[in-house]
Amino acid sequence: MDFSLDTTSLIIVTIITAATPLLLAALGELVNEKSGVLNLGLEGMMVVGAVMAFLTVTSTGSATLAIIVAILSGMGMALIFSVLTLSLQSNQVATGLALTIFGLGLSSLIGINLVGMAYDGLPKLNIAFLSDLPFFGNVLFSHDILVYFSIVMVFATYWFLNKTKYGLVLRAVGESHDAAHSIGYPVIKIRYMAALYGGAMSGLAGAYLSLAYSPMWADNMTAGRGWIALALVVFAMWMPSRVLLGAYMFGGITILQLHGQGMGIDMPSEFLSMLPYLATIIVLVLISRQAQNNYAPACLGKPFHSIR
């Protein structure tokens, strides 16, 4: 394969687009888990966001409205999860798995008439002179708004969690909900807000899939990305900067299946397709023990029972 500047920039751009939905969903789940809530329903929230975004854009022609609808759809799914787990005290793991199954079925029903339809995709950024630069213009200034938003959210999430009072309170709830409650913080309300934020980011990740990454609708188009995003949070040890690193690493592994044959890699295409999921399992096996013991919020997945 000819590794010219144009080819190299194309590979980098492809990695960035593959990493963006993982980054968006993982950042939302990171905040969610920092509050002590474990939502395994990312896949379901993402796929519902994807189908609702595509349904909206094909019906109205407005990408902005489609993104808003996807965010609201993800929040609606997260609200179902929150009511069941935070208000009704159902098991978070079982409820998250049920949310994924429900989301996959609901998206298939909604999108039954959308299969085969196409969309031009989100508009790309075009800055005079900068976008025309060789190599760097394509790598840095040829993306849609959601790519840049995902990068901004890495820094915003770090700032919120580490530099603001509200971020400190959220982390305190995740570390010791009883102590936070004893000094007057509304634990359930804070966890509701964190869960809704996680749903919004998952819905946005789904919108990116159907509006930008593959501007179309296909049944189960998330293809396990929600599970990879969940693994990214553990890989990142609940640190936003490491989520960025992990998302781009997994994005690179994902696009290897697209460029592998062109590079002359003599492997079955099925093996290349399973690489992102194989890498997820290997990473979790290698680091989960250390991460769980030292970095996971102490109250992650534990229900809160108010004494009042």
Protein backbone atom coordinates (compact mmCIF):
# COMPACT_ATOMS: atom_id res chain seq x y z
CA MET A 1 0.00 0.00 0.00
CA ASP A 2 1.30 3.46 -0.89
CA PHE A 3 1.66 5.52 2.29
CA SER A 4 1.60 8.94 0.63
CA LEU A 5 0.56 12.04 2.57
CA ASP A 6 -2.92 11.82 1.10
CA THR A 7 -3.29 8.17 2.07
CA THR A 8 -1.94 8.77 5.57
CA SER A 9 -4.26 11.72 6.12
CA LEU A 10 -7.20 9.63 4.90
CA ILE A 11 -6.37 6.89 7.43
CA ILE A 12 -6.10 9.43 10.26
CA VAL A 13 -9.41 11.03 9.30
CA THR A 14 -11.04 7.59 9.26
CA ILE A 15 -9.65 6.84 12.74
CA ILE A 16 -11.05 10.13 14.03
CA THR A 17 -14.52 9.44 12.65
CA ALA A 18 -14.49 5.88 14.03
CA ALA A 19 -13.41 7.13 17.46
CA THR A 20 -15.93 9.97 17.80
CA PRO A 21 -19.05 7.95 18.73
CA LEU A 22 -16.99 5.91 21.22
CA LEU A 23 -15.63 9.10 22.77
CA LEU A 24 -19.04 10.77 23.10
CA ALA A 25 -20.72 7.73 24.68
CA ALA A 26 -17.77 6.97 26.99
CA LEU A 27 -17.61 10.54 28.32
CA GLY A 28 -21.29 10.40 29.19
CA GLU A 29 -20.90 7.05 30.93
CA LEU A 30 -17.83 8.30 32.81
CA VAL A 31 -19.85 11.10 34.42
CA ASN A 32 -22.66 8.63 35.05
CA GLU A 33 -20.36 6.20 36.84
CA LYS A 34 -18.65 8.97 38.78
CA SER A 35 -22.01 9.53 40.47
CA GLY A 36 -22.18 5.84 41.40
CA VAL A 37 -24.62 4.72 38.68
CA LEU A 38 -23.65 1.83 36.40
CA ASN A 39 -25.71 1.91 33.21
CA LEU A 40 -25.01 -1.01 30.89
CA GLY A 41 -27.66 0.23 28.47
CA LEU A 42 -25.34 2.39 26.32
CA GLU A 43 -25.89 0.19 23.28
CA GLY A 44 -29.65 0.59 23.55
CA MET A 45 -29.50 4.36 24.07
CA MET A 46 -27.08 4.78 21.16
CA VAL A 47 -29.13 2.77 18.69
CA VAL A 48 -32.35 4.59 19.60
CA GLY A 49 -30.54 7.91 19.19
CA ALA A 50 -29.27 6.76 15.80
CA VAL A 51 -32.65 5.74 14.43
CA MET A 52 -34.44 8.81 15.78
CA ALA A 53 -31.81 11.12 14.32
CA PHE A 54 -32.08 9.48 10.91
CA LEU A 55 -35.88 9.45 11.02
CA THR A 56 -35.89 13.16 11.85
CA VAL A 57 -33.37 14.23 9.22
CA THR A 58 -35.13 12.29 6.44
CA SER A 59 -38.50 13.68 7.51
CA THR A 60 -37.53 17.33 8.06
CA GLY A 61 -34.17 17.78 6.33
CA SER A 62 -32.80 19.48 9.46
CA ALA A 63 -29.62 17.97 10.89
CA THR A 64 -29.81 20.30 13.90
CA LEU A 65 -33.28 19.08 14.78
CA ALA A 66 -32.15 15.49 14.22
CA ILE A 67 -29.32 15.93 16.74
CA ILE A 68 -31.68 17.48 19.29
CA VAL A 69 -34.17 14.63 18.86
CA ALA A 70 -31.36 12.07 19.27
CA ILE A 71 -30.23 13.73 22.51
CA LEU A 72 -33.80 13.78 23.85
CA SER A 73 -34.27 10.14 22.81
CA GLY A 74 -31.15 9.10 24.71
CA MET A 75 -32.34 11.05 27.73
CA GLY A 76 -35.74 9.37 27.51
CA MET A 77 -34.11 5.95 27.57
CA ALA A 78 -31.91 7.03 30.49
CA LEU A 79 -35.01 8.28 32.32
CA ILE A 80 -36.58 4.83 32.07
CA PHE A 81 -33.41 3.34 33.50
CA SER A 82 -33.26 5.96 36.27
CA VAL A 83 -36.86 5.47 37.38
CA LEU A 84 -36.37 1.72 37.58
CA THR A 85 -33.00 1.78 39.36
CA LEU A 86 -32.99 4.98 41.41
CA SER A 87 -36.65 5.31 42.36
CA LEU A 88 -37.79 1.69 42.29
CA GLN A 89 -34.40 0.25 43.36
CA SER A 90 -34.16 -2.43 40.67
CA ASN A 91 -30.79 -4.02 39.98
CA GLN A 92 -28.65 -1.71 37.84
CA VAL A 93 -26.87 -4.44 35.91
CA ALA A 94 -30.04 -6.33 34.98
CA THR A 95 -31.90 -3.12 34.14
CA GLY A 96 -29.07 -1.89 31.93
CA LEU A 97 -29.02 -5.16 30.00
CA ALA A 98 -32.80 -5.00 29.60
CA LEU A 99 -32.50 -1.41 28.35
CA THR A 100 -30.11 -2.54 25.62
CA ILE A 101 -32.44 -5.33 24.51
CA PHE A 102 -35.39 -2.93 24.56
CA GLY A 103 -33.46 -0.29 22.59
CA LEU A 104 -32.40 -2.74 19.90
CA GLY A 105 -35.97 -3.97 19.44
CA LEU A 106 -37.47 -0.47 19.49
CA SER A 107 -34.98 0.84 16.94
CA SER A 108 -35.72 -2.07 14.61
CA LEU A 109 -39.42 -1.27 14.81
CA ILE A 110 -38.96 2.47 14.23
CA GLY A 111 -36.46 2.00 11.43
CA ILE A 112 -38.28 -0.71 9.49
CA ASN A 113 -39.16 1.73 6.67
CA LEU A 114 -35.84 3.61 6.77
CA VAL A 115 -33.61 0.81 5.49
CA GLY A 116 -32.17 1.69 2.10
CA MET A 117 -32.62 5.45 2.51
CA ALA A 118 -29.54 7.64 2.36
CA TYR A 119 -28.45 11.03 3.70
CA ASP A 120 -25.68 13.32 2.45
CA GLY A 121 -24.09 13.53 5.89
CA LEU A 122 -23.31 16.39 8.23
CA PRO A 123 -21.56 19.37 6.59
CA LYS A 124 -17.81 19.55 7.06
CA LEU A 125 -15.93 22.48 8.50
CA ASN A 126 -14.44 24.70 5.82
CA ILE A 127 -12.03 27.42 6.95
CA ALA A 128 -10.47 29.60 4.27
CA PHE A 129 -6.83 28.68 3.62
CA LEU A 130 -6.62 26.28 6.59
CA SER A 131 -8.84 23.60 5.06
CA ASP A 132 -6.77 23.75 1.87
CA LEU A 133 -3.45 23.06 3.59
CA PRO A 134 -1.78 19.85 2.44
CA PHE A 135 -2.14 17.01 4.97
CA PHE A 136 -3.00 19.19 8.00
CA GLY A 137 -5.98 20.77 6.27
CA ASN A 138 -7.53 17.33 5.76
CA VAL A 139 -6.57 15.97 9.17
CA LEU A 140 -7.50 18.98 11.31
CA PHE A 141 -10.00 21.08 9.38
CA SER A 142 -12.16 18.68 7.39
CA HIS A 143 -14.50 17.31 10.05
CA ASP A 144 -18.07 17.99 11.07
CA ILE A 145 -19.06 19.89 14.20
CA LEU A 146 -19.61 16.78 16.34
CA VAL A 147 -15.96 15.73 16.00
CA TYR A 148 -14.79 19.05 17.42
CA PHE A 149 -17.53 18.96 20.06
CA SER A 150 -16.29 15.56 21.27
CA ILE A 151 -12.77 16.95 21.76
CA VAL A 152 -14.06 20.00 23.61
CA MET A 153 -16.11 17.75 25.88
CA VAL A 154 -12.98 15.92 27.03
CA PHE A 155 -11.59 19.15 28.47
CA ALA A 156 -15.03 20.27 29.70
CA THR A 157 -15.55 16.97 31.53
CA TYR A 158 -12.13 17.19 33.18
CA TRP A 159 -12.79 20.78 34.22
CA PHE A 160 -16.25 19.97 35.59
CA LEU A 161 -15.15 16.95 37.61
CA ASN A 162 -11.96 18.45 39.02
CA LYS A 163 -12.37 22.22 39.10
CA THR A 164 -15.99 22.89 40.03
CA LYS A 165 -18.04 22.51 43.19
CA TYR A 166 -20.74 20.57 41.36
CA GLY A 167 -18.18 18.11 40.01
CA LEU A 168 -16.80 17.59 43.51
CA VAL A 169 -20.29 16.96 44.83
CA LEU A 170 -21.00 14.44 42.08
CA ARG A 171 -17.76 12.60 42.84
CA ALA A 172 -18.58 12.64 46.55
CA VAL A 173 -21.93 11.01 45.84
CA GLY A 174 -20.15 8.29 43.87
CA GLU A 175 -17.59 7.70 46.58
CA SER A 176 -19.89 7.71 49.61
CA HIS A 177 -23.56 8.39 49.05
CA ASP A 178 -24.34 8.07 52.77
CA ALA A 179 -21.77 10.73 53.70
CA ALA A 180 -23.00 13.04 50.91
CA HIS A 181 -26.58 12.57 52.06
CA SER A 182 -25.67 13.23 55.71
CA ILE A 183 -24.41 16.73 54.86
CA GLY A 184 -27.51 17.58 52.87
CA TYR A 185 -26.80 16.70 49.23
CA PRO A 186 -29.73 15.18 47.27
CA VAL A 187 -28.13 11.90 46.19
CA ILE A 188 -31.01 10.64 44.05
CA LYS A 189 -31.45 13.98 42.27
CA ILE A 190 -27.73 14.18 41.47
CA ARG A 191 -27.73 10.63 40.15
CA TYR A 192 -30.80 11.35 38.02
CA MET A 193 -29.02 14.32 36.45
CA ALA A 194 -25.85 12.30 35.82
CA ALA A 195 -27.85 9.46 34.26
CA LEU A 196 -29.73 11.86 31.98
CA TYR A 197 -26.45 13.43 30.89
CA GLY A 198 -25.08 9.99 30.08
CA GLY A 199 -28.21 9.27 28.04
CA ALA A 200 -27.87 12.55 26.18
CA MET A 201 -24.26 11.79 25.22
CA SER A 202 -25.17 8.25 24.15
CA GLY A 203 -28.02 9.58 21.99
CA LEU A 204 -25.59 12.08 20.46
CA ALA A 205 -23.12 9.26 19.75
CA GLY A 206 -25.89 7.38 17.99
CA ALA A 207 -26.77 10.48 15.95
CA TYR A 208 -23.16 10.70 14.82
CA LEU A 209 -23.31 7.13 13.56
CA SER A 210 -26.40 7.62 11.39
CA LEU A 211 -25.75 11.22 10.32
CA ALA A 212 -21.98 11.28 9.78
CA TYR A 213 -20.08 8.02 10.17
CA SER A 214 -22.44 5.99 7.99
CA PRO A 215 -25.18 8.42 6.90
CA MET A 216 -27.90 5.82 6.58
CA TRP A 217 -29.95 3.51 8.76
CA ALA A 218 -29.16 -0.17 9.15
CA ASP A 219 -30.63 -2.45 11.77
CA ASN A 220 -28.31 -2.78 14.80
CA MET A 221 -25.88 -0.28 13.25
CA THR A 222 -24.17 0.38 16.59
CA ALA A 223 -22.62 -3.09 16.22
CA GLY A 224 -21.40 -3.35 19.81
CA ARG A 225 -19.96 0.15 20.09
CA GLY A 226 -21.90 0.74 23.29
CA TRP A 227 -20.08 -2.16 24.93
CA ILE A 228 -16.73 -0.85 23.71
CA ALA A 229 -17.57 2.58 25.17
CA LEU A 230 -18.32 0.91 28.51
CA ALA A 231 -14.97 -0.86 28.39
CA LEU A 232 -13.27 2.44 27.54
CA VAL A 233 -14.36 3.93 30.86
CA VAL A 234 -12.64 1.10 32.72
CA PHE A 235 -9.61 1.28 30.41
CA ALA A 236 -9.38 5.01 31.11
CA MET A 237 -9.58 4.39 34.88
CA TRP A 238 -12.39 6.99 34.97
CA MET A 239 -10.10 9.77 33.62
CA PRO A 240 -11.35 11.93 30.69
CA SER A 241 -7.91 12.30 29.12
CA ARG A 242 -7.47 8.55 28.99
CA VAL A 243 -10.92 8.17 27.48
CA LEU A 244 -9.68 10.30 24.58
CA LEU A 245 -6.58 8.15 24.20
CA GLY A 246 -8.55 4.91 24.42
CA ALA A 247 -11.22 6.04 21.96
CA TYR A 248 -8.65 6.87 19.30
CA MET A 249 -6.77 3.65 19.97
CA PHE A 250 -9.93 1.58 19.55
CA GLY A 251 -10.86 3.72 16.55
CA GLY A 252 -7.56 2.76 14.96
CA ILE A 253 -8.21 -0.91 15.63
CA THR A 254 -11.70 -0.55 14.16
CA ILE A 255 -10.52 0.93 10.86
CA LEU A 256 -7.79 -1.71 10.56
CA GLN A 257 -10.47 -4.03 9.23
CA LEU A 258 -11.20 -1.48 6.48
CA HIS A 259 -7.60 -0.88 5.45
CA GLY A 260 -6.10 -4.25 6.36
CA GLN A 261 -6.65 -5.89 3.00
CA GLY A 262 -5.27 -2.85 1.18
CA MET A 263 -2.15 -3.01 3.34
CA GLY A 264 -1.59 -6.57 2.19
CA ILE A 265 -2.47 -8.16 5.54
CA ASP A 266 -3.26 -11.76 4.68
CA MET A 267 -5.95 -12.48 7.27
CA PRO A 268 -9.59 -13.51 6.98
CA SER A 269 -11.88 -10.48 6.96
CA GLU A 270 -13.89 -12.04 9.81
CA PHE A 271 -10.80 -11.95 12.04
CA LEU A 272 -10.15 -8.30 11.22
CA SER A 273 -13.79 -7.48 12.00
CA MET A 274 -13.55 -9.01 15.46
CA LEU A 275 -10.32 -7.16 16.40
CA PRO A 276 -12.00 -4.24 18.24
CA TYR A 277 -13.95 -6.63 20.46
CA LEU A 278 -10.96 -8.91 21.01
CA ALA A 279 -8.89 -5.88 22.00
CA THR A 280 -11.66 -4.81 24.41
CA ILE A 281 -11.58 -8.18 26.17
CA ILE A 282 -7.78 -8.24 26.39
CA VAL A 283 -7.59 -4.69 27.78
CA LEU A 284 -10.25 -5.39 30.40
CA VAL A 285 -8.54 -8.60 31.52
CA LEU A 286 -5.19 -6.83 31.87
CA ILE A 287 -6.27 -3.75 33.76
CA SER A 288 -9.65 -4.40 35.38
CA ARG A 289 -8.23 -5.68 38.69
CA GLN A 290 -6.05 -2.61 39.24
CA ALA A 291 -8.72 -0.24 37.93
CA GLN A 292 -11.51 -1.65 40.06
CA ASN A 293 -9.43 -1.59 43.22
CA ASN A 294 -7.92 1.88 42.90
CA TYR A 295 -9.96 4.04 40.59
CA ALA A 296 -13.60 2.95 40.42
CA PRO A 297 -16.05 5.01 42.51
CA ALA A 298 -16.62 3.18 45.79
CA CYS A 299 -20.41 3.22 45.47
CA LEU A 300 -20.53 2.26 41.78
CA GLY A 301 -23.64 0.16 41.16
CA LYS A 302 -24.73 0.25 44.80
CA PRO A 303 -28.32 1.35 45.53
CA PHE A 304 -28.91 4.28 47.86
CA HIS A 305 -31.48 3.87 50.63
CA SER A 306 -32.40 7.18 52.24
CA ILE A 307 -32.81 7.10 56.01
CA ARG A 308 -35.31 9.95 55.85
